[in-house]
Amino acid sequence: MSTKGKYQEPEQGMDPFEEKLQRLREAFNTGKTKQAKFRAEQLRSLGRFLQDNKKQLHDALAGDLGKVLLGHWSAFESDMSEIILCQNEVDLALKNLQTWMKDEPVSTNLLTKLSSAFIRKEPFGLVLIIAPWNYPLNLMILPLVGAIAAGNCVVLKPSEISKNTEKVLAELLPQYLDQSCFAVVLGGPEETGQLLTHKFDYIFFTGSPRVGKIVMAAATKHLTPITLELGGKNPCYVDDNCDPQTVANRVAWFRYFNAGQTCVAPDYILCSQEMQKRLGPALQNAITRFYGDNPQTSPNLGRIINQKHFKRLQGLLGCGRVAIGGQSNEAERYIAQPP
């Protein structure tokens, strides 16, 4: 692995991560990440990374999740769901860093009246952050901000599926952060599995329940604390007293945001048959207002991340009756109103 994060095949029997992880642990043991000045410097550098490379990030997110179409380009989704959220998180951490680092006084009782008691926050140490492909910048940078603010050294593993964003993170992010304390590593499932054989002091994983179980099993071997942010089911209940157009506007906006590739987007609607009859035309009206008569030409409707997921979604279209949309174009990874 180079400092630029470009993966090179290791020699047989060699561990491509051991030397890098050892270097990060040694840096943490020096205590440099515990200093408020160091944490603030790294957070400000992270903010500069977001600002200096906004064009590259827009292009990468467009290439991965389809914001470019027929000469049009809209950065609205990229800004709102990725870059602006990340910058806001950096600003929040810088504003509150001193307060977060302060010791918290704790009241004493009769037995400890002559003593003092307080809570002191200590960093975990070496943290591993594994990001998913659907919000590849947001779900990498947000936990990174927290890890930096808490004084940790960090290994960042971007998703290999969102390959354009992965490339930007690997090549540009190390130029802004202290490379003795922060590293970007690349690879697919095999390399990630090898990475997880190492002991980390905390693991932050966002992704599918299937992979989450693998990460959890690896963390358990070292008794490593872990955060798992996994996908789930998100039913939307619509009461008969609701205004169908208001419901349709809200459901359509978030269901089709990022081409529906959001873990907490509404999966299905629970309603009476009477409401169902009213919701159908309302949803059609909302879709037309948001994406025009031909959503395929809309610059505001993204694309499915890759052919594998396109095929999976296309298969779902055959599991029931398509009420609205359903047209698809494999070459563009386009599905009209994906399920």
C-alpha atoms as a PDB file:
ATOM      1  CA  MET A   1       0.000   0.000   0.000  1.00  0.00           C
ATOM      2  CA  SER A   2       1.402   3.422  -0.864  1.00  0.00           C
ATOM      3  CA  THR A   3       0.640   6.617   1.045  1.00  0.00           C
ATOM      4  CA  LYS A   4      -1.633   7.532  -1.849  1.00  0.00           C
ATOM      5  CA  GLY A   5      -3.787   4.508  -1.020  1.00  0.00           C
ATOM      6  CA  LYS A   6      -3.320   2.647  -4.325  1.00  0.00           C
ATOM      7  CA  TYR A   7      -3.564  -1.050  -3.641  1.00  0.00           C
ATOM      8  CA  GLN A   8      -0.737  -3.281  -4.829  1.00  0.00           C
ATOM      9  CA  GLU A   9      -0.867  -7.054  -4.635  1.00  0.00           C
ATOM     10  CA  PRO A  10       1.199  -8.192  -1.631  1.00  0.00           C
ATOM     11  CA  GLU A  11       3.835 -10.871  -1.995  1.00  0.00           C
ATOM     12  CA  GLN A  12       2.684 -14.351  -1.063  1.00  0.00           C
ATOM     13  CA  GLY A  13       2.459 -14.711   2.702  1.00  0.00           C
ATOM     14  CA  MET A  14       2.894 -10.978   3.361  1.00  0.00           C
ATOM     15  CA  ASP A  15       0.362  -8.941   5.315  1.00  0.00           C
ATOM     16  CA  PRO A  16      -0.228  -5.688   3.387  1.00  0.00           C
ATOM     17  CA  PHE A  17      -1.614  -3.907   6.451  1.00  0.00           C
ATOM     18  CA  GLU A  18       0.665  -4.888   9.333  1.00  0.00           C
ATOM     19  CA  GLU A  19       3.367  -2.257   8.843  1.00  0.00           C
ATOM     20  CA  LYS A  20       0.850   0.555   8.314  1.00  0.00           C
ATOM     21  CA  LEU A  21      -1.205  -0.370  11.385  1.00  0.00           C
ATOM     22  CA  GLN A  22       1.926  -0.649  13.516  1.00  0.00           C
ATOM     23  CA  ARG A  23       2.978   2.841  12.424  1.00  0.00           C
ATOM     24  CA  LEU A  24      -0.433   4.265  13.362  1.00  0.00           C
ATOM     25  CA  ARG A  25      -0.332   2.595  16.787  1.00  0.00           C
ATOM     26  CA  GLU A  26       3.113   3.970  17.454  1.00  0.00           C
ATOM     27  CA  ALA A  27       1.903   7.453  16.536  1.00  0.00           C
ATOM     28  CA  PHE A  28      -1.068   7.129  18.887  1.00  0.00           C
ATOM     29  CA  ASN A  29       1.198   5.971  21.709  1.00  0.00           C
ATOM     30  CA  THR A  30       3.202   9.188  21.437  1.00  0.00           C
ATOM     31  CA  GLY A  31       0.124  11.085  22.633  1.00  0.00           C
ATOM     32  CA  LYS A  32       0.103  13.570  19.738  1.00  0.00           C
ATOM     33  CA  THR A  33      -3.579  12.949  18.898  1.00  0.00           C
ATOM     34  CA  LYS A  34      -4.621  13.771  22.461  1.00  0.00           C
ATOM     35  CA  GLN A  35      -3.664  17.421  22.096  1.00  0.00           C
ATOM     36  CA  ALA A  36      -6.528  19.834  21.376  1.00  0.00           C
ATOM     37  CA  LYS A  37      -4.348  21.807  18.965  1.00  0.00           C
ATOM     38  CA  PHE A  38      -3.597  18.703  16.885  1.00  0.00           C
ATOM     39  CA  ARG A  39      -7.255  17.672  16.725  1.00  0.00           C
ATOM     40  CA  ALA A  40      -8.338  21.160  15.656  1.00  0.00           C
ATOM     41  CA  GLU A  41      -5.619  21.301  12.987  1.00  0.00           C
ATOM     42  CA  GLN A  42      -6.728  17.976  11.515  1.00  0.00           C
ATOM     43  CA  LEU A  43     -10.394  19.028  11.530  1.00  0.00           C
ATOM     44  CA  ARG A  44      -9.566  22.283   9.757  1.00  0.00           C
ATOM     45  CA  SER A  45      -7.507  20.344   7.202  1.00  0.00           C
ATOM     46  CA  LEU A  46     -10.452  18.018   6.643  1.00  0.00           C
ATOM     47  CA  GLY A  47     -12.634  21.059   5.994  1.00  0.00           C
ATOM     48  CA  ARG A  48     -10.096  22.303   3.443  1.00  0.00           C
ATOM     49  CA  PHE A  49     -10.173  18.912   1.732  1.00  0.00           C
ATOM     50  CA  LEU A  50     -13.927  19.290   1.247  1.00  0.00           C
ATOM     51  CA  GLN A  51     -13.648  22.842  -0.073  1.00  0.00           C
ATOM     52  CA  ASP A  52     -10.534  22.481  -2.234  1.00  0.00           C
ATOM     53  CA  ASN A  53     -11.759  19.344  -3.964  1.00  0.00           C
ATOM     54  CA  LYS A  54     -15.467  20.091  -4.332  1.00  0.00           C
ATOM     55  CA  LYS A  55     -15.334  19.754  -8.116  1.00  0.00           C
ATOM     56  CA  GLN A  56     -13.522  16.400  -7.925  1.00  0.00           C
ATOM     57  CA  LEU A  57     -15.998  15.160  -5.323  1.00  0.00           C
ATOM     58  CA  HIS A  58     -18.970  16.277  -7.419  1.00  0.00           C
ATOM     59  CA  ASP A  59     -17.556  14.495 -10.455  1.00  0.00           C
ATOM     60  CA  ALA A  60     -16.813  11.333  -8.473  1.00  0.00           C
ATOM     61  CA  LEU A  61     -20.292  11.191  -6.932  1.00  0.00           C
ATOM     62  CA  ALA A  62     -21.795  11.859 -10.345  1.00  0.00           C
ATOM     63  CA  GLY A  63     -19.806   9.020 -11.855  1.00  0.00           C
ATOM     64  CA  ASP A  64     -20.771   6.615  -9.096  1.00  0.00           C
ATOM     65  CA  LEU A  65     -24.416   7.523  -8.541  1.00  0.00           C
ATOM     66  CA  GLY A  66     -25.427   9.192 -11.776  1.00  0.00           C
ATOM     67  CA  LYS A  67     -25.871  12.941 -11.472  1.00  0.00           C
ATOM     68  CA  VAL A  68     -24.686  13.570 -15.054  1.00  0.00           C
ATOM     69  CA  LEU A  69     -27.047  12.997 -17.967  1.00  0.00           C
ATOM     70  CA  LEU A  70     -27.319  14.364 -21.488  1.00  0.00           C
ATOM     71  CA  GLY A  71     -25.003  17.282 -20.802  1.00  0.00           C
ATOM     72  CA  HIS A  72     -26.897  18.387 -17.683  1.00  0.00           C
ATOM     73  CA  TRP A  73     -25.258  18.446 -14.286  1.00  0.00           C
ATOM     74  CA  SER A  74     -26.915  18.942 -10.932  1.00  0.00           C
ATOM     75  CA  ALA A  75     -24.881  18.934  -7.722  1.00  0.00           C
ATOM     76  CA  PHE A  76     -27.946  19.372  -5.507  1.00  0.00           C
ATOM     77  CA  GLU A  77     -27.990  15.825  -4.128  1.00  0.00           C
ATOM     78  CA  SER A  78     -24.205  15.665  -3.824  1.00  0.00           C
ATOM     79  CA  ASP A  79     -24.106  18.915  -1.885  1.00  0.00           C
ATOM     80  CA  MET A  80     -27.115  18.332   0.321  1.00  0.00           C
ATOM     81  CA  SER A  81     -26.575  14.691   1.234  1.00  0.00           C
ATOM     82  CA  GLU A  82     -22.790  14.552   1.165  1.00  0.00           C
ATOM     83  CA  ILE A  83     -20.531  17.607   1.060  1.00  0.00           C
ATOM     84  CA  ILE A  84     -22.584  20.124   3.067  1.00  0.00           C
ATOM     85  CA  LEU A  85     -23.385  17.562   5.769  1.00  0.00           C
ATOM     86  CA  CYS A  86     -19.700  16.733   6.079  1.00  0.00           C
ATOM     87  CA  GLN A  87     -18.684  20.403   6.303  1.00  0.00           C
ATOM     88  CA  ASN A  88     -21.380  21.050   8.918  1.00  0.00           C
ATOM     89  CA  GLU A  89     -20.033  18.153  10.981  1.00  0.00           C
ATOM     90  CA  VAL A  90     -16.507  19.578  10.812  1.00  0.00           C
ATOM     91  CA  ASP A  91     -17.772  23.024  11.858  1.00  0.00           C
ATOM     92  CA  LEU A  92     -19.767  21.519  14.738  1.00  0.00           C
ATOM     93  CA  ALA A  93     -16.741  19.616  16.023  1.00  0.00           C
ATOM     94  CA  LEU A  94     -14.478  22.675  15.849  1.00  0.00           C
ATOM     95  CA  LYS A  95     -17.064  24.780  17.681  1.00  0.00           C
ATOM     96  CA  ASN A  96     -17.501  22.266  20.494  1.00  0.00           C
ATOM     97  CA  LEU A  97     -14.077  20.619  20.688  1.00  0.00           C
ATOM     98  CA  GLN A  98     -12.894  22.378  23.850  1.00  0.00           C
ATOM     99  CA  THR A  99     -16.181  21.680  25.633  1.00  0.00           C
ATOM    100  CA  TRP A 100     -16.173  18.009  24.623  1.00  0.00           C
ATOM    101  CA  MET A 101     -12.607  17.567  25.893  1.00  0.00           C
ATOM    102  CA  LYS A 102     -13.217  19.096  29.340  1.00  0.00           C
ATOM    103  CA  ASP A 103     -13.369  16.885  32.399  1.00  0.00           C
ATOM    104  CA  GLU A 104     -16.873  16.499  33.800  1.00  0.00           C
ATOM    105  CA  PRO A 105     -17.092  17.029  37.571  1.00  0.00           C
ATOM    106  CA  VAL A 106     -18.930  14.349  39.531  1.00  0.00           C
ATOM    107  CA  SER A 107     -20.523  14.930  42.913  1.00  0.00           C
ATOM    108  CA  THR A 108     -19.017  13.178  45.950  1.00  0.00           C
ATOM    109  CA  ASN A 109     -20.671  11.557  48.941  1.00  0.00           C
ATOM    110  CA  LEU A 110     -19.835  11.417  52.631  1.00  0.00           C
ATOM    111  CA  LEU A 111     -17.141   8.789  52.128  1.00  0.00           C
ATOM    112  CA  THR A 112     -15.400  10.738  49.348  1.00  0.00           C
ATOM    113  CA  LYS A 113     -16.062  14.291  50.545  1.00  0.00           C
ATOM    114  CA  LEU A 114     -12.378  15.088  50.963  1.00  0.00           C
ATOM    115  CA  SER A 115     -11.581  13.837  47.469  1.00  0.00           C
ATOM    116  CA  SER A 116     -12.429  15.106  44.015  1.00  0.00           C
ATOM    117  CA  ALA A 117     -14.162  13.085  41.295  1.00  0.00           C
ATOM    118  CA  PHE A 118     -14.453  13.699  37.585  1.00  0.00           C
ATOM    119  CA  ILE A 119     -15.004  11.949  34.269  1.00  0.00           C
ATOM    120  CA  ARG A 120     -12.156  12.229  31.774  1.00  0.00           C
ATOM    121  CA  LYS A 121     -12.743  11.307  28.123  1.00  0.00           C
ATOM    122  CA  GLU A 122      -9.977   9.218  26.610  1.00  0.00           C
ATOM    123  CA  PRO A 123      -9.669   8.163  22.945  1.00  0.00           C
ATOM    124  CA  PHE A 124     -10.054   4.497  22.077  1.00  0.00           C
ATOM    125  CA  GLY A 125      -6.807   4.350  20.089  1.00  0.00           C
ATOM    126  CA  LEU A 126      -6.735   2.896  16.579  1.00  0.00           C
ATOM    127  CA  VAL A 127     -10.158   3.127  14.892  1.00  0.00           C
ATOM    128  CA  LEU A 128     -11.307   1.401  11.706  1.00  0.00           C
ATOM    129  CA  ILE A 129     -14.055   3.063   9.627  1.00  0.00           C
ATOM    130  CA  ILE A 130     -15.625   0.994   6.828  1.00  0.00           C
ATOM    131  CA  ALA A 131     -17.886   3.048   4.559  1.00  0.00           C
ATOM    132  CA  PRO A 132     -20.647   1.900   2.164  1.00  0.00           C
ATOM    133  CA  TRP A 133     -21.214   2.822  -1.472  1.00  0.00           C
ATOM    134  CA  ASN A 134     -24.606   4.588  -1.321  1.00  0.00           C
ATOM    135  CA  TYR A 135     -23.334   7.713   0.485  1.00  0.00           C
ATOM    136  CA  PRO A 136     -19.624   7.072   0.035  1.00  0.00           C
ATOM    137  CA  LEU A 137     -18.368  10.466   1.213  1.00  0.00           C
ATOM    138  CA  ASN A 138     -20.906  11.254   3.947  1.00  0.00           C
ATOM    139  CA  LEU A 139     -20.623   7.887   5.690  1.00  0.00           C
ATOM    140  CA  MET A 140     -16.838   8.027   5.609  1.00  0.00           C
ATOM    141  CA  ILE A 141     -16.275  11.622   6.688  1.00  0.00           C
ATOM    142  CA  LEU A 142     -18.919  11.938   9.440  1.00  0.00           C
ATOM    143  CA  PRO A 143     -17.516   9.131  11.608  1.00  0.00           C
ATOM    144  CA  LEU A 144     -13.999  10.363  10.772  1.00  0.00           C
ATOM    145  CA  VAL A 145     -14.857  13.781  12.240  1.00  0.00           C
ATOM    146  CA  GLY A 146     -15.963  12.144  15.481  1.00  0.00           C
ATOM    147  CA  ALA A 147     -12.867   9.954  15.608  1.00  0.00           C
ATOM    148  CA  ILE A 148     -10.540  12.937  15.069  1.00  0.00           C
ATOM    149  CA  ALA A 149     -12.362  15.068  17.640  1.00  0.00           C
ATOM    150  CA  ALA A 150     -12.037  12.231  20.163  1.00  0.00           C
ATOM    151  CA  GLY A 151      -8.276  11.959  19.589  1.00  0.00           C
ATOM    152  CA  ASN A 152      -7.970   8.655  17.728  1.00  0.00           C
ATOM    153  CA  CYS A 153      -5.773   7.411  14.925  1.00  0.00           C
ATOM    154  CA  VAL A 154      -7.905   6.148  12.042  1.00  0.00           C
ATOM    155  CA  VAL A 155      -7.825   3.609   9.221  1.00  0.00           C
ATOM    156  CA  LEU A 156     -10.346   4.505   6.494  1.00  0.00           C
ATOM    157  CA  LYS A 157     -11.726   1.809   4.188  1.00  0.00           C
ATOM    158  CA  PRO A 158     -13.909   3.346   1.432  1.00  0.00           C
ATOM    159  CA  SER A 159     -16.213   1.113  -0.594  1.00  0.00           C
ATOM    160  CA  GLU A 160     -14.648  -0.403  -3.690  1.00  0.00           C
ATOM    161  CA  ILE A 161     -18.097  -0.354  -5.347  1.00  0.00           C
ATOM    162  CA  SER A 162     -18.234   3.468  -5.496  1.00  0.00           C
ATOM    163  CA  LYS A 163     -14.896   3.417  -7.277  1.00  0.00           C
ATOM    164  CA  ASN A 164     -14.738   7.075  -8.342  1.00  0.00           C
ATOM    165  CA  THR A 165     -15.227   8.382  -4.813  1.00  0.00           C
ATOM    166  CA  GLU A 166     -12.844   5.725  -3.513  1.00  0.00           C
ATOM    167  CA  LYS A 167     -10.164   7.046  -5.879  1.00  0.00           C
ATOM    168  CA  VAL A 168     -10.597  10.665  -4.740  1.00  0.00           C
ATOM    169  CA  LEU A 169     -10.468   9.674  -1.064  1.00  0.00           C
ATOM    170  CA  ALA A 170      -7.391   7.503  -1.567  1.00  0.00           C
ATOM    171  CA  GLU A 171      -5.428   9.990  -3.648  1.00  0.00           C
ATOM    172  CA  LEU A 172      -6.383  13.358  -2.152  1.00  0.00           C
ATOM    173  CA  LEU A 173      -7.466  12.913   1.484  1.00  0.00           C
ATOM    174  CA  PRO A 174      -4.003  11.756   2.719  1.00  0.00           C
ATOM    175  CA  GLN A 175      -2.571  15.040   1.434  1.00  0.00           C
ATOM    176  CA  TYR A 176      -4.638  16.922   4.049  1.00  0.00           C
ATOM    177  CA  LEU A 177      -4.293  14.689   7.121  1.00  0.00           C
ATOM    178  CA  ASP A 178      -1.255  13.688   9.195  1.00  0.00           C
ATOM    179  CA  GLN A 179      -0.218  10.447   7.486  1.00  0.00           C
ATOM    180  CA  SER A 180       1.410   9.116  10.634  1.00  0.00           C
ATOM    181  CA  CYS A 181      -2.034   9.060  12.276  1.00  0.00           C
ATOM    182  CA  PHE A 182      -4.498   8.533   9.417  1.00  0.00           C
ATOM    183  CA  ALA A 183      -4.471   6.119   6.486  1.00  0.00           C
ATOM    184  CA  VAL A 184      -6.738   5.140   3.598  1.00  0.00           C
ATOM    185  CA  VAL A 185      -6.635   1.477   2.587  1.00  0.00           C
ATOM    186  CA  LEU A 186      -8.224  -0.064  -0.486  1.00  0.00           C
ATOM    187  CA  GLY A 187      -9.446  -3.440  -1.586  1.00  0.00           C
ATOM    188  CA  GLY A 188     -12.463  -5.667  -1.969  1.00  0.00           C
ATOM    189  CA  PRO A 189     -13.986  -8.307   0.298  1.00  0.00           C
ATOM    190  CA  GLU A 190     -10.780 -10.375   0.462  1.00  0.00           C
ATOM    191  CA  GLU A 191      -8.617  -7.438   1.556  1.00  0.00           C
ATOM    192  CA  THR A 192     -11.267  -6.232   3.994  1.00  0.00           C
ATOM    193  CA  GLY A 193     -11.423  -9.701   5.516  1.00  0.00           C
ATOM    194  CA  GLN A 194      -7.661  -9.666   5.971  1.00  0.00           C
ATOM    195  CA  LEU A 195      -7.836  -6.180   7.490  1.00  0.00           C
ATOM    196  CA  LEU A 196     -10.414  -7.394  10.011  1.00  0.00           C
ATOM    197  CA  THR A 197      -8.053 -10.069  11.327  1.00  0.00           C
ATOM    198  CA  HIS A 198      -6.104  -7.266  13.002  1.00  0.00           C
ATOM    199  CA  LYS A 199      -6.981  -5.863  16.385  1.00  0.00           C
ATOM    200  CA  PHE A 200      -8.572  -2.426  16.385  1.00  0.00           C
ATOM    201  CA  ASP A 201      -9.709  -0.441  19.396  1.00  0.00           C
ATOM    202  CA  TYR A 202     -13.000   0.544  17.760  1.00  0.00           C
ATOM    203  CA  ILE A 203     -14.742  -0.347  14.490  1.00  0.00           C
ATOM    204  CA  PHE A 204     -17.398   1.787  12.790  1.00  0.00           C
ATOM    205  CA  PHE A 205     -19.162  -0.061   9.977  1.00  0.00           C
ATOM    206  CA  THR A 206     -22.004   1.040   7.719  1.00  0.00           C
ATOM    207  CA  GLY A 207     -23.458  -1.479   5.288  1.00  0.00           C
ATOM    208  CA  SER A 208     -25.612  -4.560   4.900  1.00  0.00           C
ATOM    209  CA  PRO A 209     -26.644  -6.916   7.715  1.00  0.00           C
ATOM    210  CA  ARG A 210     -24.838  -9.771   5.936  1.00  0.00           C
ATOM    211  CA  VAL A 211     -21.474  -8.011   6.001  1.00  0.00           C
ATOM    212  CA  GLY A 212     -22.277  -6.536   9.422  1.00  0.00           C
ATOM    213  CA  LYS A 213     -22.345 -10.075  10.844  1.00  0.00           C
ATOM    214  CA  ILE A 214     -18.885 -10.722   9.423  1.00  0.00           C
ATOM    215  CA  VAL A 215     -17.535  -7.483  10.902  1.00  0.00           C
ATOM    216  CA  MET A 216     -19.160  -8.251  14.250  1.00  0.00           C
ATOM    217  CA  ALA A 217     -17.639 -11.748  14.344  1.00  0.00           C
ATOM    218  CA  ALA A 218     -14.186 -10.325  13.598  1.00  0.00           C
ATOM    219  CA  ALA A 219     -14.546  -7.655  16.288  1.00  0.00           C
ATOM    220  CA  THR A 220     -15.698 -10.226  18.852  1.00  0.00           C
ATOM    221  CA  LYS A 221     -12.432 -12.149  18.560  1.00  0.00           C
ATOM    222  CA  HIS A 222     -10.602  -9.108  19.945  1.00  0.00           C
ATOM    223  CA  LEU A 223     -13.436  -7.872  22.216  1.00  0.00           C
ATOM    224  CA  THR A 224     -13.451  -4.721  20.089  1.00  0.00           C
ATOM    225  CA  PRO A 225     -16.329  -2.250  20.676  1.00  0.00           C
ATOM    226  CA  ILE A 226     -18.226  -1.588  17.473  1.00  0.00           C
ATOM    227  CA  THR A 227     -20.909   0.545  15.858  1.00  0.00           C
ATOM    228  CA  LEU A 228     -22.982  -1.220  13.192  1.00  0.00           C
ATOM    229  CA  GLU A 229     -25.241   1.010  11.075  1.00  0.00           C
ATOM    230  CA  LEU A 230     -27.182  -1.433   8.933  1.00  0.00           C
ATOM    231  CA  GLY A 231     -30.054  -1.364   6.490  1.00  0.00           C
ATOM    232  CA  GLY A 232     -33.568  -2.396   7.504  1.00  0.00           C
ATOM    233  CA  LYS A 233     -37.209  -2.238   6.520  1.00  0.00           C
ATOM    234  CA  ASN A 234     -39.004   1.099   6.570  1.00  0.00           C
ATOM    235  CA  PRO A 235     -42.769   0.833   6.245  1.00  0.00           C
ATOM    236  CA  CYS A 236     -44.803   4.006   5.772  1.00  0.00           C
ATOM    237  CA  TYR A 237     -48.296   4.002   7.299  1.00  0.00           C
ATOM    238  CA  VAL A 238     -50.831   6.360   5.705  1.00  0.00           C
ATOM    239  CA  ASP A 239     -54.020   7.070   7.619  1.00  0.00           C
ATOM    240  CA  ASP A 240     -57.282   7.697   5.750  1.00  0.00           C
ATOM    241  CA  ASN A 241     -57.369  11.231   7.168  1.00  0.00           C
ATOM    242  CA  CYS A 242     -54.075  12.182   5.507  1.00  0.00           C
ATOM    243  CA  ASP A 243     -53.962  14.398   2.415  1.00  0.00           C
ATOM    244  CA  PRO A 244     -52.839  11.993  -0.350  1.00  0.00           C
ATOM    245  CA  GLN A 245     -50.934  14.633  -2.335  1.00  0.00           C
ATOM    246  CA  THR A 246     -48.935  15.747   0.712  1.00  0.00           C
ATOM    247  CA  VAL A 247     -48.103  12.120   1.459  1.00  0.00           C
ATOM    248  CA  ALA A 248     -47.187  11.459  -2.187  1.00  0.00           C
ATOM    249  CA  ASN A 249     -44.882  14.475  -2.336  1.00  0.00           C
ATOM    250  CA  ARG A 250     -43.006  13.401   0.794  1.00  0.00           C
ATOM    251  CA  VAL A 251     -42.783   9.729  -0.103  1.00  0.00           C
ATOM    252  CA  ALA A 252     -41.685  10.390  -3.686  1.00  0.00           C
ATOM    253  CA  TRP A 253     -39.080  12.937  -2.646  1.00  0.00           C
ATOM    254  CA  PHE A 254     -37.283  10.637  -0.248  1.00  0.00           C
ATOM    255  CA  ARG A 255     -37.983   7.309  -1.959  1.00  0.00           C
ATOM    256  CA  TYR A 256     -36.357   8.472  -5.204  1.00  0.00           C
ATOM    257  CA  PHE A 257     -33.632  10.619  -3.632  1.00  0.00           C
ATOM    258  CA  ASN A 258     -30.270   9.079  -4.587  1.00  0.00           C
ATOM    259  CA  ALA A 259     -32.266   6.813  -6.945  1.00  0.00           C
ATOM    260  CA  GLY A 260     -33.821   5.149  -3.920  1.00  0.00           C
ATOM    261  CA  GLN A 261     -30.447   3.964  -2.604  1.00  0.00           C
ATOM    262  CA  THR A 262     -30.942   5.066   0.996  1.00  0.00           C
ATOM    263  CA  CYS A 263     -31.145   2.640   3.912  1.00  0.00           C
ATOM    264  CA  VAL A 264     -33.987   4.526   5.636  1.00  0.00           C
ATOM    265  CA  ALA A 265     -36.092   5.360   2.554  1.00  0.00           C
ATOM    266  CA  PRO A 266     -39.734   4.171   2.650  1.00  0.00           C
ATOM    267  CA  ASP A 267     -39.810   0.549   1.476  1.00  0.00           C
ATOM    268  CA  TYR A 268     -43.554   0.097   1.248  1.00  0.00           C
ATOM    269  CA  ILE A 269     -46.808   1.810   2.164  1.00  0.00           C
ATOM    270  CA  LEU A 270     -49.460   0.456   4.527  1.00  0.00           C
ATOM    271  CA  CYS A 271     -52.883   1.954   3.882  1.00  0.00           C
ATOM    272  CA  SER A 272     -56.516   1.118   3.223  1.00  0.00           C
ATOM    273  CA  GLN A 273     -57.725   0.208  -0.259  1.00  0.00           C
ATOM    274  CA  GLU A 274     -59.540   3.535  -0.411  1.00  0.00           C
ATOM    275  CA  MET A 275     -56.336   5.465   0.323  1.00  0.00           C
ATOM    276  CA  GLN A 276     -54.452   3.306  -2.156  1.00  0.00           C
ATOM    277  CA  LYS A 277     -56.784   4.424  -4.937  1.00  0.00           C
ATOM    278  CA  ARG A 278     -56.159   8.062  -4.008  1.00  0.00           C
ATOM    279  CA  LEU A 279     -52.412   7.679  -3.563  1.00  0.00           C
ATOM    280  CA  GLY A 280     -51.721   6.234  -7.019  1.00  0.00           C
ATOM    281  CA  PRO A 281     -52.645   9.366  -9.023  1.00  0.00           C
ATOM    282  CA  ALA A 282     -51.063  11.581  -6.354  1.00  0.00           C
ATOM    283  CA  LEU A 283     -47.744   9.714  -6.656  1.00  0.00           C
ATOM    284  CA  GLN A 284     -47.864   9.983 -10.433  1.00  0.00           C
ATOM    285  CA  ASN A 285     -48.453  13.722 -10.105  1.00  0.00           C
ATOM    286  CA  ALA A 286     -45.533  14.081  -7.662  1.00  0.00           C
ATOM    287  CA  ILE A 287     -43.171  12.119  -9.899  1.00  0.00           C
ATOM    288  CA  THR A 288     -44.086  14.237 -12.911  1.00  0.00           C
ATOM    289  CA  ARG A 289     -43.585  17.463 -10.942  1.00  0.00           C
ATOM    290  CA  PHE A 290     -40.193  16.330  -9.617  1.00  0.00           C
ATOM    291  CA  TYR A 291     -38.746  14.586 -12.674  1.00  0.00           C
ATOM    292  CA  GLY A 292     -40.848  15.661 -15.674  1.00  0.00           C
ATOM    293  CA  ASP A 293     -42.804  13.575 -18.151  1.00  0.00           C
ATOM    294  CA  ASN A 294     -39.673  11.565 -18.977  1.00  0.00           C
ATOM    295  CA  PRO A 295     -37.636  10.970 -15.793  1.00  0.00           C
ATOM    296  CA  GLN A 296     -34.846   9.403 -17.836  1.00  0.00           C
ATOM    297  CA  THR A 297     -33.879  12.857 -19.106  1.00  0.00           C
ATOM    298  CA  SER A 298     -34.142  14.524 -15.684  1.00  0.00           C
ATOM    299  CA  PRO A 299     -30.836  15.739 -14.201  1.00  0.00           C
ATOM    300  CA  ASN A 300     -32.336  15.198 -10.732  1.00  0.00           C
ATOM    301  CA  LEU A 301     -32.830  11.434 -10.875  1.00  0.00           C
ATOM    302  CA  GLY A 302     -29.680   9.444 -10.168  1.00  0.00           C
ATOM    303  CA  ARG A 303     -28.575   6.040 -11.391  1.00  0.00           C
ATOM    304  CA  ILE A 304     -28.151   2.612  -9.838  1.00  0.00           C
ATOM    305  CA  ILE A 305     -24.618   2.108  -8.529  1.00  0.00           C
ATOM    306  CA  ASN A 306     -23.649  -0.885 -10.725  1.00  0.00           C
ATOM    307  CA  GLN A 307     -24.920  -3.649 -13.004  1.00  0.00           C
ATOM    308  CA  LYS A 308     -25.295  -6.154 -10.163  1.00  0.00           C
ATOM    309  CA  HIS A 309     -27.727  -3.957  -8.260  1.00  0.00           C
ATOM    310  CA  PHE A 310     -29.464  -2.960 -11.495  1.00  0.00           C
ATOM    311  CA  LYS A 311     -30.178  -6.632 -12.225  1.00  0.00           C
ATOM    312  CA  ARG A 312     -31.389  -7.181  -8.659  1.00  0.00           C
ATOM    313  CA  LEU A 313     -33.844  -4.283  -8.867  1.00  0.00           C
ATOM    314  CA  GLN A 314     -34.962  -5.260 -12.337  1.00  0.00           C
ATOM    315  CA  GLY A 315     -35.810  -8.689 -10.944  1.00  0.00           C
ATOM    316  CA  LEU A 316     -38.043  -7.119  -8.310  1.00  0.00           C
ATOM    317  CA  LEU A 317     -40.152  -5.537 -11.050  1.00  0.00           C
ATOM    318  CA  GLY A 318     -41.336  -8.994 -11.997  1.00  0.00           C
ATOM    319  CA  CYS A 319     -42.549  -9.829  -8.497  1.00  0.00           C
ATOM    320  CA  GLY A 320     -45.762  -7.814  -8.676  1.00  0.00           C
ATOM    321  CA  ARG A 321     -47.800  -5.377 -10.734  1.00  0.00           C
ATOM    322  CA  VAL A 322     -45.968  -2.223 -11.814  1.00  0.00           C
ATOM    323  CA  ALA A 323     -48.327   0.683 -11.157  1.00  0.00           C
ATOM    324  CA  ILE A 324     -46.077   3.576 -12.205  1.00  0.00           C
ATOM    325  CA  GLY A 325     -42.861   3.632 -14.230  1.00  0.00           C
ATOM    326  CA  GLY A 326     -40.720   0.518 -14.353  1.00  0.00           C
ATOM    327  CA  GLN A 327     -38.993   1.358 -17.636  1.00  0.00           C
ATOM    328  CA  SER A 328     -35.295   0.567 -17.563  1.00  0.00           C
ATOM    329  CA  ASN A 329     -32.103   1.066 -19.551  1.00  0.00           C
ATOM    330  CA  GLU A 330     -29.264  -1.252 -18.587  1.00  0.00           C
ATOM    331  CA  ALA A 331     -26.620   0.739 -20.440  1.00  0.00           C
ATOM    332  CA  GLU A 332     -27.432   3.792 -18.275  1.00  0.00           C
ATOM    333  CA  ARG A 333     -28.237   1.756 -15.128  1.00  0.00           C
ATOM    334  CA  TYR A 334     -31.566   3.594 -15.231  1.00  0.00           C
ATOM    335  CA  ILE A 335     -34.827   2.361 -13.721  1.00  0.00           C
ATOM    336  CA  ALA A 336     -37.856   4.637 -13.699  1.00  0.00           C
ATOM    337  CA  GLN A 337     -38.944   5.018 -10.075  1.00  0.00           C
ATOM    338  CA  PRO A 338     -36.890   2.024  -8.815  1.00  0.00           C
ATOM    339  CA  PRO A 339     -38.678  -0.172  -6.251  1.00  0.00           C
END
